Amino acid sequence: MLAEASEKARSGNRHDVADYLELKASNDLIRLTGVKWLFETLTEHAAVANRSSAAVAIERTEPHSFSYRGANIVGTSLSFRYGVRCLTVEAGWTRTPADGFMRGGGLAFARLRHFGIPKANVDMALFMNGQKPVWQLLTEERTAEQVNSHALIAHISLLIEA
């Protein structure tokens, strides 16, 4: 639909609208890819734990919305349960003007919450690093620590071993 609207805008000599729609489509693809990587990586690590008889239950909720710094973030929630322990991962982005806007220049936002272990909770944002999307931790100190697969393994390990 965005490609069709962009073409219609170009044919109507509305290049500004067409450029905006193309940028939105490009950013949405980057967002989808980043969120997909986050969820697939966590799910893969939970599956590895399950093959070692951990019995981690996974529940996905979509659509899901949550609040972050006054904005309504729309996306997906994924819960990993191990006995009474739970790791909940929420990720998404603002979709409409009524949702607000993504603060700090992030393309998407994610939140990892460990039930009963608040010190382990993290907030992350998806940024472009050159041509590559990267998840970075959001901290009070505004550090730019990238989140990689090893950091996500640590969250699944904490769920199982805590």
N, C-alpha and C. Protein backbone atom coordinates (compact mmCIF):
# COMPACT_ATOMS: atom_id res chain seq x y z
N MET A 1 0.82 -1.19 0.00
CA MET A 1 0.00 0.00 0.00
C MET A 1 0.86 1.25 0.00
N LEU A 2 1.97 1.19 0.76
CA LEU A 2 2.85 2.36 0.80
C LEU A 2 3.48 2.62 -0.56
N ALA A 3 3.88 1.55 -1.27
CA ALA A 3 4.47 1.73 -2.60
C ALA A 3 3.46 2.34 -3.56
N GLU A 4 2.22 1.89 -3.48
CA GLU A 4 1.17 2.43 -4.33
C GLU A 4 0.89 3.90 -4.00
N ALA A 5 0.83 4.22 -2.72
CA ALA A 5 0.61 5.61 -2.32
C ALA A 5 1.77 6.50 -2.73
N SER A 6 2.99 5.97 -2.64
CA SER A 6 4.17 6.73 -3.04
C SER A 6 4.14 7.01 -4.54
N GLU A 7 3.79 6.02 -5.32
CA GLU A 7 3.71 6.19 -6.78
C GLU A 7 2.62 7.20 -7.14
N LYS A 8 1.50 7.12 -6.46
CA LYS A 8 0.41 8.07 -6.70
C LYS A 8 0.86 9.49 -6.35
N ALA A 9 1.60 9.63 -5.26
CA ALA A 9 2.09 10.96 -4.86
C ALA A 9 3.09 11.49 -5.89
N ARG A 10 3.96 10.62 -6.41
CA ARG A 10 4.93 11.06 -7.43
C ARG A 10 4.22 11.49 -8.71
N SER A 11 3.22 10.71 -9.11
CA SER A 11 2.50 11.06 -10.34
C SER A 11 1.70 12.35 -10.16
N GLY A 12 1.35 12.68 -8.91
CA GLY A 12 0.65 13.92 -8.62
C GLY A 12 1.61 15.06 -8.29
N ASN A 13 2.90 14.84 -8.61
CA ASN A 13 3.95 15.84 -8.39
C ASN A 13 4.11 16.20 -6.90
N ARG A 14 3.82 15.26 -6.00
CA ARG A 14 4.01 15.44 -4.57
C ARG A 14 5.23 14.63 -4.13
N HIS A 15 6.40 15.05 -4.60
CA HIS A 15 7.63 14.31 -4.33
C HIS A 15 7.96 14.28 -2.83
N ASP A 16 7.58 15.33 -2.10
CA ASP A 16 7.84 15.36 -0.67
C ASP A 16 7.08 14.24 0.04
N VAL A 17 5.83 14.05 -0.34
CA VAL A 17 5.01 12.98 0.25
C VAL A 17 5.56 11.62 -0.16
N ALA A 18 5.93 11.50 -1.42
CA ALA A 18 6.48 10.23 -1.91
C ALA A 18 7.77 9.88 -1.19
N ASP A 19 8.64 10.87 -1.00
CA ASP A 19 9.90 10.62 -0.29
C ASP A 19 9.63 10.18 1.15
N TYR A 20 8.66 10.83 1.80
CA TYR A 20 8.31 10.46 3.18
C TYR A 20 7.80 9.02 3.23
N LEU A 21 6.92 8.65 2.31
CA LEU A 21 6.36 7.30 2.32
C LEU A 21 7.44 6.25 2.05
N GLU A 22 8.39 6.56 1.18
CA GLU A 22 9.48 5.62 0.92
C GLU A 22 10.39 5.47 2.14
N LEU A 23 10.65 6.58 2.83
CA LEU A 23 11.45 6.53 4.05
C LEU A 23 10.73 5.71 5.12
N LYS A 24 9.42 5.90 5.24
CA LYS A 24 8.64 5.15 6.23
C LYS A 24 8.69 3.66 5.92
N ALA A 25 8.54 3.30 4.65
CA ALA A 25 8.59 1.89 4.27
C ALA A 25 9.96 1.29 4.58
N SER A 26 11.01 2.04 4.29
CA SER A 26 12.37 1.57 4.57
C SER A 26 12.59 1.41 6.07
N ASN A 27 12.18 2.39 6.86
CA ASN A 27 12.34 2.31 8.31
C ASN A 27 11.51 1.18 8.91
N ASP A 28 10.30 0.97 8.40
CA ASP A 28 9.47 -0.12 8.91
C ASP A 28 10.11 -1.48 8.64
N LEU A 29 10.76 -1.63 7.49
CA LEU A 29 11.45 -2.88 7.18
C LEU A 29 12.62 -3.09 8.15
N ILE A 30 13.37 -2.03 8.44
CA ILE A 30 14.47 -2.11 9.40
C ILE A 30 13.93 -2.48 10.78
N ARG A 31 12.83 -1.85 11.18
CA ARG A 31 12.22 -2.13 12.49
C ARG A 31 11.79 -3.59 12.58
N LEU A 32 11.08 -4.05 11.56
CA LEU A 32 10.61 -5.45 11.55
C LEU A 32 11.78 -6.42 11.64
N THR A 33 12.85 -6.13 10.91
CA THR A 33 14.02 -6.98 10.91
C THR A 33 14.68 -6.99 12.29
N GLY A 34 14.81 -5.83 12.91
CA GLY A 34 15.43 -5.73 14.23
C GLY A 34 14.64 -6.45 15.30
N VAL A 35 13.34 -6.26 15.31
CA VAL A 35 12.48 -6.93 16.30
C VAL A 35 12.47 -8.43 16.06
N LYS A 36 12.42 -8.83 14.80
CA LYS A 36 12.44 -10.26 14.46
C LYS A 36 13.74 -10.91 14.97
N TRP A 37 14.88 -10.24 14.76
CA TRP A 37 16.15 -10.77 15.23
C TRP A 37 16.13 -10.93 16.75
N LEU A 38 15.64 -9.92 17.45
CA LEU A 38 15.59 -9.96 18.91
C LEU A 38 14.77 -11.16 19.39
N PHE A 39 13.56 -11.32 18.87
CA PHE A 39 12.69 -12.41 19.30
C PHE A 39 13.22 -13.78 18.89
N GLU A 40 13.72 -13.88 17.67
CA GLU A 40 14.24 -15.17 17.20
C GLU A 40 15.48 -15.60 17.97
N THR A 41 16.33 -14.65 18.32
CA THR A 41 17.54 -14.98 19.07
C THR A 41 17.19 -15.47 20.47
N LEU A 42 16.29 -14.76 21.15
CA LEU A 42 15.86 -15.20 22.48
C LEU A 42 15.16 -16.57 22.42
N THR A 43 14.30 -16.75 21.43
CA THR A 43 13.58 -18.02 21.29
C THR A 43 14.55 -19.16 21.00
N GLU A 44 15.55 -18.90 20.18
CA GLU A 44 16.56 -19.92 19.87
C GLU A 44 17.31 -20.34 21.12
N HIS A 45 17.69 -19.38 21.95
CA HIS A 45 18.41 -19.70 23.18
C HIS A 45 17.51 -20.45 24.17
N ALA A 46 16.23 -20.11 24.21
CA ALA A 46 15.30 -20.85 25.07
C ALA A 46 15.14 -22.28 24.55
N ALA A 47 15.13 -22.45 23.24
CA ALA A 47 15.01 -23.78 22.66
C ALA A 47 16.24 -24.64 22.98
N VAL A 48 17.41 -24.02 22.98
CA VAL A 48 18.64 -24.74 23.37
C VAL A 48 18.51 -25.21 24.82
N ALA A 49 18.02 -24.33 25.68
CA ALA A 49 17.82 -24.70 27.09
C ALA A 49 16.79 -25.82 27.21
N ASN A 50 15.75 -25.76 26.39
CA ASN A 50 14.72 -26.82 26.43
C ASN A 50 15.29 -28.17 26.00
N ARG A 51 16.21 -28.17 25.07
CA ARG A 51 16.82 -29.43 24.64
C ARG A 51 17.66 -30.04 25.77
N SER A 52 18.02 -29.20 26.74
CA SER A 52 18.75 -29.69 27.92
C SER A 52 17.79 -29.91 29.08
N SER A 53 16.52 -30.10 28.77
CA SER A 53 15.42 -30.38 29.71
C SER A 53 15.08 -29.23 30.65
N ALA A 54 15.17 -28.00 30.18
CA ALA A 54 14.82 -26.86 31.02
C ALA A 54 13.31 -26.62 31.09
N ALA A 55 12.56 -26.96 30.09
CA ALA A 55 11.10 -26.78 30.05
C ALA A 55 10.68 -25.32 30.16
N VAL A 56 11.22 -24.48 29.28
CA VAL A 56 10.84 -23.07 29.21
C VAL A 56 9.61 -22.97 28.31
N ALA A 57 8.52 -22.41 28.84
CA ALA A 57 7.31 -22.19 28.06
C ALA A 57 7.38 -20.79 27.43
N ILE A 58 6.95 -20.69 26.18
CA ILE A 58 7.02 -19.42 25.45
C ILE A 58 5.62 -19.03 25.02
N GLU A 59 5.27 -17.78 25.30
CA GLU A 59 3.94 -17.26 24.94
C GLU A 59 4.12 -15.94 24.21
N ARG A 60 3.48 -15.82 23.06
CA ARG A 60 3.57 -14.61 22.24
C ARG A 60 2.23 -13.89 22.23
N THR A 61 2.26 -12.56 22.41
CA THR A 61 1.05 -11.74 22.35
C THR A 61 1.24 -10.68 21.27
N GLU A 62 0.34 -10.71 20.30
CA GLU A 62 0.42 -9.76 19.20
C GLU A 62 -0.99 -9.50 18.67
N PRO A 63 -1.41 -8.29 18.56
CA PRO A 63 -0.70 -7.05 18.86
C PRO A 63 -0.61 -6.80 20.36
N HIS A 64 0.37 -6.02 20.72
CA HIS A 64 0.63 -5.68 22.11
C HIS A 64 1.06 -4.22 22.14
N SER A 65 0.62 -3.49 23.15
CA SER A 65 1.07 -2.10 23.27
C SER A 65 1.50 -1.83 24.70
N PHE A 66 2.47 -0.93 24.84
CA PHE A 66 2.98 -0.55 26.14
C PHE A 66 3.48 0.88 26.06
N SER A 67 3.68 1.47 27.19
CA SER A 67 4.07 2.88 27.26
C SER A 67 5.57 3.01 27.48
N TYR A 68 6.17 3.95 26.81
CA TYR A 68 7.57 4.29 27.03
C TYR A 68 7.76 5.79 26.87
N ARG A 69 8.14 6.46 27.95
CA ARG A 69 8.40 7.89 27.96
C ARG A 69 7.28 8.70 27.30
N GLY A 70 6.05 8.36 27.64
CA GLY A 70 4.90 9.09 27.16
C GLY A 70 4.39 8.66 25.80
N ALA A 71 5.06 7.75 25.15
CA ALA A 71 4.62 7.28 23.83
C ALA A 71 3.95 5.91 23.98
N ASN A 72 3.03 5.63 23.09
CA ASN A 72 2.38 4.33 23.02
C ASN A 72 3.15 3.49 22.01
N ILE A 73 3.83 2.45 22.48
CA ILE A 73 4.62 1.58 21.62
C ILE A 73 3.75 0.39 21.23
N VAL A 74 3.63 0.13 19.95
CA VAL A 74 2.79 -0.95 19.43
C VAL A 74 3.71 -2.02 18.83
N GLY A 75 3.49 -3.25 19.23
CA GLY A 75 4.33 -4.31 18.71
C GLY A 75 3.92 -5.67 19.21
N THR A 76 4.88 -6.37 19.83
CA THR A 76 4.70 -7.75 20.25
C THR A 76 5.29 -7.94 21.64
N SER A 77 4.70 -8.87 22.39
CA SER A 77 5.24 -9.28 23.68
C SER A 77 5.52 -10.77 23.62
N LEU A 78 6.66 -11.14 24.17
CA LEU A 78 7.06 -12.53 24.22
C LEU A 78 7.42 -12.85 25.67
N SER A 79 6.78 -13.87 26.25
CA SER A 79 7.06 -14.25 27.63
C SER A 79 7.70 -15.63 27.66
N PHE A 80 8.78 -15.73 28.42
CA PHE A 80 9.48 -16.99 28.63
C PHE A 80 9.26 -17.36 30.10
N ARG A 81 8.62 -18.50 30.33
CA ARG A 81 8.32 -18.92 31.70
C ARG A 81 9.08 -20.19 32.03
N TYR A 82 9.65 -20.16 33.24
CA TYR A 82 10.36 -21.33 33.76
C TYR A 82 9.96 -21.46 35.22
N GLY A 83 9.03 -22.35 35.48
CA GLY A 83 8.47 -22.47 36.82
C GLY A 83 7.74 -21.18 37.16
N VAL A 84 8.10 -20.55 38.28
CA VAL A 84 7.46 -19.28 38.66
C VAL A 84 8.21 -18.08 38.09
N ARG A 85 9.34 -18.32 37.49
CA ARG A 85 10.14 -17.23 36.91
C ARG A 85 9.59 -16.87 35.54
N CYS A 86 9.79 -15.59 35.19
CA CYS A 86 9.30 -15.13 33.89
C CYS A 86 10.19 -14.01 33.36
N LEU A 87 10.55 -14.11 32.10
CA LEU A 87 11.23 -13.05 31.36
C LEU A 87 10.24 -12.58 30.31
N THR A 88 9.86 -11.31 30.37
CA THR A 88 8.94 -10.75 29.39
C THR A 88 9.70 -9.76 28.53
N VAL A 89 9.53 -9.90 27.23
CA VAL A 89 10.18 -9.02 26.26
C VAL A 89 9.08 -8.33 25.45
N GLU A 90 9.11 -7.00 25.47
CA GLU A 90 8.17 -6.21 24.68
C GLU A 90 8.99 -5.42 23.66
N ALA A 91 8.52 -5.36 22.44
CA ALA A 91 9.24 -4.59 21.42
C ALA A 91 8.26 -4.04 20.40
N GLY A 92 8.55 -2.84 19.92
CA GLY A 92 7.71 -2.22 18.90
C GLY A 92 8.13 -0.79 18.66
N TRP A 93 7.21 -0.03 18.08
CA TRP A 93 7.46 1.37 17.78
C TRP A 93 6.13 2.09 17.66
N THR A 94 6.17 3.41 17.63
CA THR A 94 4.94 4.18 17.47
C THR A 94 4.46 4.00 16.03
N ARG A 95 3.16 3.87 15.85
CA ARG A 95 2.63 3.60 14.51
C ARG A 95 1.87 4.77 13.92
N THR A 96 1.20 5.56 14.79
CA THR A 96 0.38 6.68 14.31
C THR A 96 0.78 7.94 15.06
N PRO A 97 0.45 9.10 14.54
CA PRO A 97 0.75 10.34 15.26
C PRO A 97 0.15 10.36 16.67
N ALA A 98 -1.00 9.74 16.86
CA ALA A 98 -1.62 9.70 18.18
C ALA A 98 -0.80 8.89 19.19
N ASP A 99 0.07 7.99 18.71
CA ASP A 99 0.92 7.20 19.59
C ASP A 99 2.07 8.01 20.19
N GLY A 100 2.35 9.16 19.63
CA GLY A 100 3.50 9.95 20.07
C GLY A 100 4.66 9.70 19.13
N PHE A 101 5.87 9.93 19.62
CA PHE A 101 7.03 9.73 18.75
C PHE A 101 8.14 9.02 19.51
N MET A 102 9.05 8.46 18.75
CA MET A 102 10.18 7.72 19.32
C MET A 102 11.23 8.74 19.76
N ARG A 103 11.45 8.82 21.05
CA ARG A 103 12.43 9.78 21.59
C ARG A 103 13.85 9.27 21.38
N GLY A 104 14.76 10.21 21.22
CA GLY A 104 16.17 9.87 21.14
C GLY A 104 16.63 9.33 19.81
N GLY A 105 15.79 9.36 18.80
CA GLY A 105 16.20 8.92 17.47
C GLY A 105 16.17 7.43 17.23
N GLY A 106 15.64 6.66 18.17
CA GLY A 106 15.56 5.22 17.97
C GLY A 106 14.47 4.87 16.96
N LEU A 107 14.68 3.78 16.25
CA LEU A 107 13.68 3.30 15.29
C LEU A 107 12.64 2.42 15.97
N ALA A 108 13.07 1.68 16.99
CA ALA A 108 12.18 0.79 17.74
C ALA A 108 12.66 0.78 19.19
N PHE A 109 11.82 0.26 20.05
CA PHE A 109 12.13 0.21 21.48
C PHE A 109 11.82 -1.19 21.98
N ALA A 110 12.64 -1.68 22.91
CA ALA A 110 12.39 -3.00 23.51
C ALA A 110 12.66 -2.91 25.01
N ARG A 111 11.94 -3.73 25.72
CA ARG A 111 12.05 -3.78 27.18
C ARG A 111 12.11 -5.25 27.58
N LEU A 112 13.12 -5.61 28.37
CA LEU A 112 13.24 -6.96 28.91
C LEU A 112 13.02 -6.87 30.41
N ARG A 113 12.04 -7.62 30.94
CA ARG A 113 11.69 -7.57 32.35
C ARG A 113 11.74 -8.96 32.96
N HIS A 114 12.53 -9.07 34.04
CA HIS A 114 12.64 -10.31 34.79
C HIS A 114 11.75 -10.19 36.02
N PHE A 115 10.73 -11.03 36.10
CA PHE A 115 9.82 -11.03 37.24
C PHE A 115 10.62 -11.34 38.51
N GLY A 116 10.58 -10.43 39.47
CA GLY A 116 11.25 -10.63 40.75
C GLY A 116 12.72 -10.27 40.78
N ILE A 117 13.28 -9.85 39.64
CA ILE A 117 14.70 -9.46 39.59
C ILE A 117 14.81 -8.11 38.87
N PRO A 118 14.32 -7.04 39.48
CA PRO A 118 14.29 -5.76 38.78
C PRO A 118 15.66 -5.22 38.37
N LYS A 119 16.73 -5.61 39.07
CA LYS A 119 18.07 -5.14 38.69
C LYS A 119 18.50 -5.68 37.33
N ALA A 120 17.89 -6.76 36.89
CA ALA A 120 18.25 -7.37 35.61
C ALA A 120 17.47 -6.79 34.42
N ASN A 121 16.48 -5.96 34.71
CA ASN A 121 15.66 -5.37 33.64
C ASN A 121 16.49 -4.42 32.78
N VAL A 122 16.21 -4.42 31.47
CA VAL A 122 16.90 -3.50 30.56
C VAL A 122 15.91 -2.90 29.56
N ASP A 123 16.25 -1.69 29.14
CA ASP A 123 15.55 -1.03 28.05
C ASP A 123 16.54 -0.87 26.90
N MET A 124 16.06 -1.04 25.68
CA MET A 124 16.92 -0.97 24.51
C MET A 124 16.22 -0.19 23.41
N ALA A 125 17.03 0.38 22.52
CA ALA A 125 16.49 1.04 21.33
C ALA A 125 17.26 0.54 20.12
N LEU A 126 16.58 0.51 19.00
CA LEU A 126 17.18 0.09 17.74
C LEU A 126 17.65 1.33 16.99
N PHE A 127 18.93 1.37 16.68
CA PHE A 127 19.52 2.48 15.94
C PHE A 127 20.22 1.95 14.70
N MET A 128 20.48 2.84 13.77
CA MET A 128 21.29 2.49 12.61
C MET A 128 22.74 2.80 12.93
N ASN A 129 23.62 1.85 12.66
CA ASN A 129 25.06 2.03 12.80
C ASN A 129 25.63 1.83 11.40
N GLY A 130 25.74 2.92 10.67
CA GLY A 130 26.10 2.81 9.26
C GLY A 130 24.92 2.22 8.50
N GLN A 131 25.15 1.09 7.87
CA GLN A 131 24.09 0.41 7.11
C GLN A 131 23.45 -0.71 7.91
N LYS A 132 23.83 -0.85 9.18
CA LYS A 132 23.40 -2.00 9.97
C LYS A 132 22.56 -1.55 11.17
N PRO A 133 21.39 -2.16 11.38
CA PRO A 133 20.62 -1.85 12.59
C PRO A 133 21.23 -2.56 13.79
N VAL A 134 21.32 -1.86 14.91
CA VAL A 134 21.86 -2.45 16.14
C VAL A 134 20.98 -2.06 17.32
N TRP A 135 20.82 -2.98 18.24
CA TRP A 135 20.14 -2.70 19.50
C TRP A 135 21.17 -2.16 20.47
N GLN A 136 20.81 -1.09 21.18
CA GLN A 136 21.70 -0.51 22.18
C GLN A 136 20.95 -0.36 23.49
N LEU A 137 21.66 -0.61 24.59
CA LEU A 137 21.07 -0.41 25.91
C LEU A 137 20.79 1.07 26.13
N LEU A 138 19.68 1.35 26.77
CA LEU A 138 19.36 2.71 27.17
C LEU A 138 19.63 2.83 28.66
N THR A 139 20.57 3.67 29.01
CA THR A 139 20.94 3.84 30.42
C THR A 139 20.87 5.31 30.79
N GLU A 140 20.91 5.56 32.07
CA GLU A 140 20.92 6.95 32.56
C GLU A 140 22.16 7.69 32.07
N GLU A 141 23.27 6.95 31.91
CA GLU A 141 24.53 7.55 31.49
C GLU A 141 24.59 7.76 29.98
N ARG A 142 23.56 7.31 29.27
CA ARG A 142 23.49 7.43 27.81
C ARG A 142 24.65 6.72 27.11
N THR A 143 25.06 5.58 27.64
CA THR A 143 26.10 4.82 26.99
C THR A 143 25.53 4.15 25.75
N ALA A 144 26.41 3.76 24.86
CA ALA A 144 25.97 3.17 23.61
C ALA A 144 26.38 1.70 23.53
N GLU A 145 26.17 0.98 24.62
CA GLU A 145 26.54 -0.43 24.65
C GLU A 145 25.60 -1.23 23.75
N GLN A 146 26.19 -1.92 22.77
CA GLN A 146 25.38 -2.70 21.85
C GLN A 146 24.95 -4.01 22.50
N VAL A 147 23.76 -4.43 22.14
CA VAL A 147 23.22 -5.70 22.62
C VAL A 147 23.46 -6.73 21.53
N ASN A 148 24.18 -7.79 21.91
CA ASN A 148 24.45 -8.85 20.95
C ASN A 148 23.83 -10.15 21.44
N SER A 149 24.06 -11.20 20.71
CA SER A 149 23.49 -12.50 21.05
C SER A 149 23.94 -12.97 22.42
N HIS A 150 25.19 -12.69 22.80
CA HIS A 150 25.70 -13.13 24.10
C HIS A 150 24.93 -12.46 25.24
N ALA A 151 24.59 -11.19 25.07
CA ALA A 151 23.81 -10.49 26.10
C ALA A 151 22.43 -11.12 26.25
N LEU A 152 21.85 -11.56 25.15
CA LEU A 152 20.53 -12.19 25.21
C LEU A 152 20.61 -13.58 25.83
N ILE A 153 21.71 -14.30 25.57
CA ILE A 153 21.91 -15.60 26.21
C ILE A 153 21.94 -15.42 27.72
N ALA A 154 22.57 -14.34 28.17
CA ALA A 154 22.66 -14.08 29.61
C ALA A 154 21.27 -13.91 30.23
N HIS A 155 20.33 -13.32 29.50
CA HIS A 155 18.98 -13.14 30.03
C HIS A 155 18.25 -14.48 30.14
N ILE A 156 18.42 -15.34 29.14
CA ILE A 156 17.80 -16.68 29.21
C ILE A 156 18.47 -17.49 30.33
N SER A 157 19.78 -17.37 30.45
CA SER A 157 20.50 -18.09 31.52
C SER A 157 20.02 -17.63 32.89
N LEU A 158 19.84 -16.33 33.06
CA LEU A 158 19.37 -15.81 34.34
C LEU A 158 17.97 -16.36 34.66
N LEU A 159 17.13 -16.46 33.64
CA LEU A 159 15.79 -17.02 33.83
C LEU A 159 15.86 -18.44 34.38
N ILE A 160 16.75 -19.23 33.83
CA ILE A 160 16.82 -20.64 34.17
C ILE A 160 17.61 -20.90 35.45
N GLU A 161 18.67 -20.11 35.66
CA GLU A 161 19.59 -20.40 36.75
C GLU A 161 19.37 -19.56 38.00
N ALA A 162 18.51 -18.56 37.95
CA ALA A 162 18.33 -17.66 39.11
C ALA A 162 17.81 -18.38 40.32
